[in-house]
Protein backbone atom coordinates (compact mmCIF):
# COMPACT_ATOMS: atom_id res chain seq x y z
CA MET A 1 135.91 107.10 124.84
CA PHE A 2 139.48 107.99 123.91
CA ILE A 3 141.16 111.01 125.49
CA ILE A 4 144.44 112.68 124.54
CA ASP A 5 146.32 112.49 127.82
CA ARG A 6 149.50 114.22 126.64
CA PHE A 7 152.04 114.53 123.88
CA GLU A 8 155.52 113.05 124.12
CA GLY A 9 157.56 114.13 121.13
CA GLU A 10 156.06 112.63 118.00
CA MET A 11 153.61 110.48 119.96
CA ALA A 12 150.28 111.20 121.59
CA VAL A 13 149.49 109.26 124.74
CA ILE A 14 145.87 108.18 124.43
CA GLU A 15 143.80 107.07 127.40
CA HIS A 16 141.03 104.52 126.95
CA ARG A 17 139.23 103.22 130.01
CA ASP A 18 142.00 102.18 132.39
CA ARG A 19 144.76 101.88 129.78
CA THR A 20 147.01 104.17 127.83
CA PHE A 21 148.75 103.65 124.50
CA ASN A 22 151.00 105.62 122.19
CA PHE A 23 149.60 106.86 118.91
CA PRO A 24 151.53 108.66 116.17
CA ARG A 25 150.84 112.36 116.51
CA TYR A 26 150.87 112.91 112.74
CA LEU A 27 147.73 110.75 112.44
CA LEU A 28 145.77 113.18 114.61
CA PRO A 29 144.25 116.40 113.31
CA PRO A 30 146.76 119.28 113.59
CA GLU A 31 144.49 121.12 116.03
CA ALA A 32 144.35 118.17 118.48
CA LYS A 33 145.03 119.19 122.09
CA GLU A 34 145.49 117.46 125.44
CA GLY A 35 142.20 116.63 127.11
CA GLN A 36 140.22 116.35 123.89
CA ALA A 37 138.04 113.33 123.23
CA LEU A 38 138.65 111.32 120.08
CA SER A 39 136.58 108.94 118.02
CA PHE A 40 138.10 106.41 115.65
CA SER A 41 136.78 104.71 112.57
CA VAL A 42 138.74 101.79 111.17
CA THR A 43 138.06 100.19 107.81
CA ILE A 44 139.74 97.39 105.91
CA ASP A 45 141.34 98.37 102.60
CA GLN A 46 140.26 95.38 100.52
CA ALA A 47 142.15 96.41 97.36
CA THR A 48 145.49 96.84 99.16
CA THR A 49 144.95 93.61 101.08
CA LYS A 50 144.36 91.74 97.81
CA GLN A 51 147.50 93.27 96.26
CA ARG A 52 149.65 92.35 99.25
CA ARG A 53 148.37 88.78 99.28
CA ALA A 54 149.11 88.42 95.57
CA LYS A 55 152.64 89.75 96.11
CA VAL A 56 153.30 87.31 98.96
CA GLU A 57 151.96 84.42 96.86
CA ARG A 58 154.29 85.39 93.98
CA LEU A 59 157.26 85.53 96.34
CA LEU A 60 156.40 82.14 97.82
CA ASP A 61 156.03 80.67 94.33
CA GLU A 62 159.48 82.00 93.43
CA LEU A 63 160.98 80.39 96.54
CA VAL A 64 159.37 77.03 95.79
CA GLU A 65 160.57 77.08 92.15
CA GLU A 66 164.22 77.51 93.17
């Protein structure tokens, strides 16, 4: 379970078990309040990952050619 402990400027301090971490406030729903429980879902963006890898490979190829 993740709990919004407090807000510090542009960051939300999130509590998870016995740890806290900062999380950008703009990524939370606008109605988020201290004390509310959060759930997260993380997915991998395969298309963007593929594009980034291709870009890095092109840059490395350019470096090797020089």
